[in-house]
């Protein structure tokens, strides 16, 4: 698996830097912190464009398969043979066999089994538009507009296993409940570093839409 990822090293270094978690120069979607609560912060993101793909596999296998597919797109597997700068994070969210988003706190067997699928996203650079982005060569890669949203974010380091993601999602939901903030959608996991980054230096986040304060 790692050997396959290393076949496009330049793009991967743009994605996450190095073993020690250096992400210098990697673009991230712009946001504003509108509130801080114990265990999380509330951010406001504007509209963004993402390249996304759906993968039917276990949670971690889907992450790597989706990453490779999207990395090929930004590395030139598109109708313009154009290279697109890598940004962070990579987003992962589960959906059911019927296409519905489901909670990341659901049992691992439900979220990562044969009957489930995962949506993996790369956010495109802020200076790109739907008109300027090249069409993917792979029909499994789609360009989508992500609308503006208010989200709660819990940051963590270490393991990115299914159990770790589920545990951090439960902690985020508990923080929101304690703060009286209502979730408005399903949670997603965001990963800012490549898999070989030292675990304690990784930047990982659980993100869930919330009802903005009026």
C-alpha atoms as a PDB file:
ATOM      1  CA  UNK A   1       0.000   0.000   0.000  1.00  0.00           C
ATOM      2  CA  UNK A   2       2.731   2.473   0.983  1.00  0.00           C
ATOM      3  CA  UNK A   3       4.711   1.536  -2.124  1.00  0.00           C
ATOM      4  CA  UNK A   4       1.764   2.565  -4.270  1.00  0.00           C
ATOM      5  CA  UNK A   5       1.511   5.894  -2.492  1.00  0.00           C
ATOM      6  CA  UNK A   6       5.207   6.577  -2.974  1.00  0.00           C
ATOM      7  CA  UNK A   7       4.785   6.318  -6.756  1.00  0.00           C
ATOM      8  CA  UNK A   8       3.724   9.971  -6.694  1.00  0.00           C
ATOM      9  CA  UNK A   9       6.137  11.400  -4.089  1.00  0.00           C
ATOM     10  CA  UNK A  10       6.052  15.023  -5.154  1.00  0.00           C
ATOM     11  CA  UNK A  11       2.286  15.214  -4.706  1.00  0.00           C
ATOM     12  CA  UNK A  12       2.448  13.462  -1.357  1.00  0.00           C
ATOM     13  CA  UNK A  13       5.013  15.887   0.006  1.00  0.00           C
ATOM     14  CA  UNK A  14       2.694  18.742  -0.975  1.00  0.00           C
ATOM     15  CA  UNK A  15      -0.036  16.906   0.927  1.00  0.00           C
ATOM     16  CA  UNK A  16       1.637  16.495   4.259  1.00  0.00           C
ATOM     17  CA  UNK A  17       5.312  17.316   4.451  1.00  0.00           C
ATOM     18  CA  UNK A  18       7.419  14.694   6.176  1.00  0.00           C
ATOM     19  CA  UNK A  19       7.709  12.102   8.888  1.00  0.00           C
ATOM     20  CA  UNK A  20       7.717  14.854  11.517  1.00  0.00           C
ATOM     21  CA  UNK A  21       4.471  16.452  10.369  1.00  0.00           C
ATOM     22  CA  UNK A  22       5.788  19.552   8.608  1.00  0.00           C
ATOM     23  CA  UNK A  23       3.050  21.024   6.432  1.00  0.00           C
ATOM     24  CA  UNK A  24       4.737  24.263   5.389  1.00  0.00           C
ATOM     25  CA  UNK A  25       3.202  25.795   2.286  1.00  0.00           C
ATOM     26  CA  UNK A  26       0.271  23.389   2.064  1.00  0.00           C
ATOM     27  CA  UNK A  27      -2.935  25.314   1.408  1.00  0.00           C
ATOM     28  CA  UNK A  28      -5.931  24.728   3.650  1.00  0.00           C
ATOM     29  CA  UNK A  29      -9.507  25.977   3.204  1.00  0.00           C
ATOM     30  CA  UNK A  30      -9.964  29.352   4.858  1.00  0.00           C
ATOM     31  CA  UNK A  31     -12.171  29.547   7.926  1.00  0.00           C
ATOM     32  CA  UNK A  32     -13.109  31.765  10.846  1.00  0.00           C
ATOM     33  CA  UNK A  33     -13.297  30.524  14.418  1.00  0.00           C
ATOM     34  CA  UNK A  34     -16.631  31.810  15.720  1.00  0.00           C
ATOM     35  CA  UNK A  35     -16.665  30.073  19.121  1.00  0.00           C
ATOM     36  CA  UNK A  36     -14.502  27.907  21.342  1.00  0.00           C
ATOM     37  CA  UNK A  37     -15.985  25.326  23.683  1.00  0.00           C
ATOM     38  CA  UNK A  38     -14.298  22.746  25.935  1.00  0.00           C
ATOM     39  CA  UNK A  39     -12.994  20.014  23.647  1.00  0.00           C
ATOM     40  CA  UNK A  40     -13.830  21.659  20.319  1.00  0.00           C
ATOM     41  CA  UNK A  41     -14.105  24.845  18.300  1.00  0.00           C
ATOM     42  CA  UNK A  42     -16.811  26.140  16.011  1.00  0.00           C
ATOM     43  CA  UNK A  43     -15.622  27.245  12.565  1.00  0.00           C
ATOM     44  CA  UNK A  44     -17.262  28.964   9.620  1.00  0.00           C
ATOM     45  CA  UNK A  45     -16.154  27.862   6.139  1.00  0.00           C
ATOM     46  CA  UNK A  46     -17.105  29.518   2.876  1.00  0.00           C
ATOM     47  CA  UNK A  47     -18.022  27.618  -0.300  1.00  0.00           C
ATOM     48  CA  UNK A  48     -15.305  25.289  -1.596  1.00  0.00           C
ATOM     49  CA  UNK A  49     -14.749  22.984  -4.539  1.00  0.00           C
ATOM     50  CA  UNK A  50     -13.680  19.406  -3.939  1.00  0.00           C
ATOM     51  CA  UNK A  51     -12.703  16.421  -6.026  1.00  0.00           C
ATOM     52  CA  UNK A  52     -14.377  13.385  -4.520  1.00  0.00           C
ATOM     53  CA  UNK A  53     -14.658   9.666  -5.071  1.00  0.00           C
ATOM     54  CA  UNK A  54     -16.704   6.892  -3.468  1.00  0.00           C
ATOM     55  CA  UNK A  55     -14.956   3.696  -2.388  1.00  0.00           C
ATOM     56  CA  UNK A  56     -16.569   0.456  -1.196  1.00  0.00           C
ATOM     57  CA  UNK A  57     -14.069  -0.993   1.278  1.00  0.00           C
ATOM     58  CA  UNK A  58     -13.152  -1.046   4.940  1.00  0.00           C
ATOM     59  CA  UNK A  59     -12.518   2.327   6.558  1.00  0.00           C
ATOM     60  CA  UNK A  60      -8.729   2.471   6.297  1.00  0.00           C
ATOM     61  CA  UNK A  61      -8.532   0.642   2.963  1.00  0.00           C
ATOM     62  CA  UNK A  62     -11.076   3.067   1.513  1.00  0.00           C
ATOM     63  CA  UNK A  63      -8.997   5.991   2.725  1.00  0.00           C
ATOM     64  CA  UNK A  64      -5.899   4.798   0.889  1.00  0.00           C
ATOM     65  CA  UNK A  65      -7.740   3.722  -2.266  1.00  0.00           C
ATOM     66  CA  UNK A  66      -9.574   7.029  -2.460  1.00  0.00           C
ATOM     67  CA  UNK A  67      -6.389   8.962  -1.795  1.00  0.00           C
ATOM     68  CA  UNK A  68      -4.556   7.258  -4.644  1.00  0.00           C
ATOM     69  CA  UNK A  69      -7.457   7.794  -7.048  1.00  0.00           C
ATOM     70  CA  UNK A  70      -7.709  11.502  -6.247  1.00  0.00           C
ATOM     71  CA  UNK A  71      -3.919  11.931  -6.238  1.00  0.00           C
ATOM     72  CA  UNK A  72      -3.820  10.616  -9.789  1.00  0.00           C
ATOM     73  CA  UNK A  73      -6.355  13.277 -10.804  1.00  0.00           C
ATOM     74  CA  UNK A  74      -4.323  16.180  -9.407  1.00  0.00           C
ATOM     75  CA  UNK A  75      -1.118  14.650 -10.790  1.00  0.00           C
ATOM     76  CA  UNK A  76      -2.340  14.901 -14.388  1.00  0.00           C
ATOM     77  CA  UNK A  77      -4.963  12.193 -14.921  1.00  0.00           C
ATOM     78  CA  UNK A  78      -7.367  14.749 -16.339  1.00  0.00           C
ATOM     79  CA  UNK A  79      -8.431  16.029 -19.754  1.00  0.00           C
ATOM     80  CA  UNK A  80      -5.878  18.859 -19.650  1.00  0.00           C
ATOM     81  CA  UNK A  81      -3.028  16.706 -18.294  1.00  0.00           C
ATOM     82  CA  UNK A  82      -2.695  19.508 -15.747  1.00  0.00           C
ATOM     83  CA  UNK A  83      -1.141  19.285 -12.305  1.00  0.00           C
ATOM     84  CA  UNK A  84      -3.100  20.768  -9.417  1.00  0.00           C
ATOM     85  CA  UNK A  85      -1.530  21.750  -6.108  1.00  0.00           C
ATOM     86  CA  UNK A  86      -2.227  19.406  -3.219  1.00  0.00           C
ATOM     87  CA  UNK A  87      -4.104  20.905  -0.279  1.00  0.00           C
ATOM     88  CA  UNK A  88      -5.025  19.628   3.164  1.00  0.00           C
ATOM     89  CA  UNK A  89      -7.045  18.041   4.650  1.00  0.00           C
ATOM     90  CA  UNK A  90      -8.220  14.832   3.026  1.00  0.00           C
ATOM     91  CA  UNK A  91     -11.829  14.280   4.110  1.00  0.00           C
ATOM     92  CA  UNK A  92     -13.497  10.920   4.685  1.00  0.00           C
ATOM     93  CA  UNK A  93     -17.173  10.292   5.421  1.00  0.00           C
ATOM     94  CA  UNK A  94     -19.208   7.077   5.505  1.00  0.00           C
ATOM     95  CA  UNK A  95     -22.396   6.524   3.544  1.00  0.00           C
ATOM     96  CA  UNK A  96     -24.778   3.595   3.565  1.00  0.00           C
ATOM     97  CA  UNK A  97     -25.453   1.298   0.624  1.00  0.00           C
ATOM     98  CA  UNK A  98     -28.429   3.533  -0.152  1.00  0.00           C
ATOM     99  CA  UNK A  99     -26.258   6.627  -0.384  1.00  0.00           C
ATOM    100  CA  UNK A 100     -27.194   8.102   2.997  1.00  0.00           C
ATOM    101  CA  UNK A 101     -24.582   9.581   5.298  1.00  0.00           C
ATOM    102  CA  UNK A 102     -24.364   7.685   8.586  1.00  0.00           C
ATOM    103  CA  UNK A 103     -22.863   8.480  11.962  1.00  0.00           C
ATOM    104  CA  UNK A 104     -19.169   7.752  12.468  1.00  0.00           C
ATOM    105  CA  UNK A 105     -20.053   6.564  15.977  1.00  0.00           C
ATOM    106  CA  UNK A 106     -21.974   3.632  14.496  1.00  0.00           C
ATOM    107  CA  UNK A 107     -20.424   0.195  15.072  1.00  0.00           C
ATOM    108  CA  UNK A 108     -17.305  -0.434  13.004  1.00  0.00           C
ATOM    109  CA  UNK A 109     -18.976  -3.420  11.326  1.00  0.00           C
ATOM    110  CA  UNK A 110     -21.772  -1.156  10.082  1.00  0.00           C
ATOM    111  CA  UNK A 111     -19.518   1.670   8.929  1.00  0.00           C
ATOM    112  CA  UNK A 112     -16.705  -0.262   7.316  1.00  0.00           C
ATOM    113  CA  UNK A 113     -18.275  -3.492   6.129  1.00  0.00           C
ATOM    114  CA  UNK A 114     -19.042  -4.731   2.647  1.00  0.00           C
ATOM    115  CA  UNK A 115     -22.441  -2.983   2.665  1.00  0.00           C
ATOM    116  CA  UNK A 116     -21.014   0.462   3.314  1.00  0.00           C
ATOM    117  CA  UNK A 117     -19.167   3.004   1.191  1.00  0.00           C
ATOM    118  CA  UNK A 118     -16.925   5.961   1.917  1.00  0.00           C
ATOM    119  CA  UNK A 119     -16.673   9.359   0.268  1.00  0.00           C
ATOM    120  CA  UNK A 120     -13.094  10.656   0.099  1.00  0.00           C
ATOM    121  CA  UNK A 121     -12.466  14.311  -0.801  1.00  0.00           C
ATOM    122  CA  UNK A 122      -9.585  16.539  -1.762  1.00  0.00           C
ATOM    123  CA  UNK A 123     -10.411  20.239  -1.454  1.00  0.00           C
ATOM    124  CA  UNK A 124      -9.248  22.206  -4.476  1.00  0.00           C
ATOM    125  CA  UNK A 125      -7.030  25.326  -4.231  1.00  0.00           C
ATOM    126  CA  UNK A 126      -8.982  28.485  -3.477  1.00  0.00           C
ATOM    127  CA  UNK A 127      -8.065  30.091  -6.815  1.00  0.00           C
ATOM    128  CA  UNK A 128      -9.720  27.294  -8.808  1.00  0.00           C
ATOM    129  CA  UNK A 129     -13.249  27.404 -10.216  1.00  0.00           C
ATOM    130  CA  UNK A 130     -15.458  24.760 -11.763  1.00  0.00           C
ATOM    131  CA  UNK A 131     -14.650  26.327 -15.133  1.00  0.00           C
ATOM    132  CA  UNK A 132     -10.886  26.318 -14.623  1.00  0.00           C
ATOM    133  CA  UNK A 133     -10.562  22.826 -13.180  1.00  0.00           C
ATOM    134  CA  UNK A 134      -9.924  20.069 -15.742  1.00  0.00           C
ATOM    135  CA  UNK A 135     -12.356  17.204 -16.098  1.00  0.00           C
ATOM    136  CA  UNK A 136     -11.090  13.974 -14.496  1.00  0.00           C
ATOM    137  CA  UNK A 137     -10.098  11.097 -16.758  1.00  0.00           C
ATOM    138  CA  UNK A 138     -11.513   8.651 -14.208  1.00  0.00           C
ATOM    139  CA  UNK A 139     -15.320   8.610 -14.149  1.00  0.00           C
ATOM    140  CA  UNK A 140     -15.118   7.654 -10.465  1.00  0.00           C
ATOM    141  CA  UNK A 141     -13.750  11.121  -9.645  1.00  0.00           C
ATOM    142  CA  UNK A 142     -16.266  13.972  -9.496  1.00  0.00           C
ATOM    143  CA  UNK A 143     -15.916  17.712  -8.954  1.00  0.00           C
ATOM    144  CA  UNK A 144     -18.446  19.061  -6.467  1.00  0.00           C
ATOM    145  CA  UNK A 145     -19.236  22.374  -4.805  1.00  0.00           C
ATOM    146  CA  UNK A 146     -19.264  22.222  -1.018  1.00  0.00           C
ATOM    147  CA  UNK A 147     -21.592  24.954   0.278  1.00  0.00           C
ATOM    148  CA  UNK A 148     -20.674  27.342   3.061  1.00  0.00           C
ATOM    149  CA  UNK A 149     -21.187  25.801   6.488  1.00  0.00           C
ATOM    150  CA  UNK A 150     -20.684  26.147  10.214  1.00  0.00           C
ATOM    151  CA  UNK A 151     -18.969  23.118  11.727  1.00  0.00           C
ATOM    152  CA  UNK A 152     -17.748  21.881  15.083  1.00  0.00           C
ATOM    153  CA  UNK A 153     -14.196  20.560  15.010  1.00  0.00           C
ATOM    154  CA  UNK A 154     -12.318  18.351  17.453  1.00  0.00           C
ATOM    155  CA  UNK A 155      -8.600  18.053  16.818  1.00  0.00           C
ATOM    156  CA  UNK A 156      -6.569  15.012  17.869  1.00  0.00           C
ATOM    157  CA  UNK A 157      -3.253  13.283  17.243  1.00  0.00           C
ATOM    158  CA  UNK A 158      -2.169   9.666  17.209  1.00  0.00           C
ATOM    159  CA  UNK A 159      -4.029   6.735  15.735  1.00  0.00           C
ATOM    160  CA  UNK A 160      -6.414   7.198  12.809  1.00  0.00           C
ATOM    161  CA  UNK A 161      -7.917   3.726  13.156  1.00  0.00           C
ATOM    162  CA  UNK A 162     -11.662   3.122  12.981  1.00  0.00           C
ATOM    163  CA  UNK A 163     -11.806   2.819  16.764  1.00  0.00           C
ATOM    164  CA  UNK A 164      -9.876   6.050  17.299  1.00  0.00           C
ATOM    165  CA  UNK A 165     -12.089   7.965  14.868  1.00  0.00           C
ATOM    166  CA  UNK A 166     -15.251   6.612  16.506  1.00  0.00           C
ATOM    167  CA  UNK A 167     -13.966   7.485  19.982  1.00  0.00           C
ATOM    168  CA  UNK A 168     -13.043  11.040  18.981  1.00  0.00           C
ATOM    169  CA  UNK A 169     -16.415  11.476  17.281  1.00  0.00           C
ATOM    170  CA  UNK A 170     -18.157  10.430  20.494  1.00  0.00           C
ATOM    171  CA  UNK A 171     -16.074  12.981  22.407  1.00  0.00           C
ATOM    172  CA  UNK A 172     -17.050  15.721  19.957  1.00  0.00           C
ATOM    173  CA  UNK A 173     -20.734  14.842  20.260  1.00  0.00           C
ATOM    174  CA  UNK A 174     -20.423  14.926  24.056  1.00  0.00           C
ATOM    175  CA  UNK A 175     -18.764  18.357  23.911  1.00  0.00           C
ATOM    176  CA  UNK A 176     -21.568  19.682  21.724  1.00  0.00           C
ATOM    177  CA  UNK A 177     -24.227  18.259  24.026  1.00  0.00           C
ATOM    178  CA  UNK A 178     -22.574  19.817  27.073  1.00  0.00           C
ATOM    179  CA  UNK A 179     -22.410  23.190  25.288  1.00  0.00           C
ATOM    180  CA  UNK A 180     -26.039  23.000  24.135  1.00  0.00           C
ATOM    181  CA  UNK A 181     -25.068  23.026  20.459  1.00  0.00           C
ATOM    182  CA  UNK A 182     -27.176  21.051  17.990  1.00  0.00           C
ATOM    183  CA  UNK A 183     -25.477  18.893  15.312  1.00  0.00           C
ATOM    184  CA  UNK A 184     -26.918  19.505  11.846  1.00  0.00           C
ATOM    185  CA  UNK A 185     -25.463  16.572   9.917  1.00  0.00           C
ATOM    186  CA  UNK A 186     -23.144  13.590   9.959  1.00  0.00           C
ATOM    187  CA  UNK A 187     -19.522  13.657  11.075  1.00  0.00           C
ATOM    188  CA  UNK A 188     -16.512  13.380   8.795  1.00  0.00           C
ATOM    189  CA  UNK A 189     -12.829  12.761   9.525  1.00  0.00           C
ATOM    190  CA  UNK A 190     -10.162  15.121   8.172  1.00  0.00           C
ATOM    191  CA  UNK A 191      -6.514  14.070   7.872  1.00  0.00           C
ATOM    192  CA  UNK A 192      -3.692  16.557   7.310  1.00  0.00           C
ATOM    193  CA  UNK A 193      -0.634  14.283   7.218  1.00  0.00           C
ATOM    194  CA  UNK A 194       0.584  11.236   5.256  1.00  0.00           C
ATOM    195  CA  UNK A 195       0.456   7.829   6.973  1.00  0.00           C
ATOM    196  CA  UNK A 196       4.191   7.746   7.734  1.00  0.00           C
ATOM    197  CA  UNK A 197       4.049  10.881   9.917  1.00  0.00           C
ATOM    198  CA  UNK A 198       4.972  10.172  13.544  1.00  0.00           C
ATOM    199  CA  UNK A 199       1.558   9.486  15.185  1.00  0.00           C
ATOM    200  CA  UNK A 200       1.973  11.995  18.011  1.00  0.00           C
ATOM    201  CA  UNK A 201       2.667  14.754  15.444  1.00  0.00           C
ATOM    202  CA  UNK A 202      -0.279  14.036  13.147  1.00  0.00           C
ATOM    203  CA  UNK A 203      -3.059  16.542  12.796  1.00  0.00           C
ATOM    204  CA  UNK A 204      -6.431  14.811  12.582  1.00  0.00           C
ATOM    205  CA  UNK A 205      -9.870  16.338  13.031  1.00  0.00           C
ATOM    206  CA  UNK A 206     -13.456  15.208  13.458  1.00  0.00           C
ATOM    207  CA  UNK A 207     -15.871  17.638  11.848  1.00  0.00           C
ATOM    208  CA  UNK A 208     -19.662  17.834  12.125  1.00  0.00           C
ATOM    209  CA  UNK A 209     -22.040  20.524  10.795  1.00  0.00           C
ATOM    210  CA  UNK A 210     -23.866  22.452  13.511  1.00  0.00           C
ATOM    211  CA  UNK A 211     -26.768  24.857  13.691  1.00  0.00           C
ATOM    212  CA  UNK A 212     -25.196  28.361  13.607  1.00  0.00           C
ATOM    213  CA  UNK A 213     -26.058  30.830  16.333  1.00  0.00           C
ATOM    214  CA  UNK A 214     -28.737  33.261  15.228  1.00  0.00           C
END
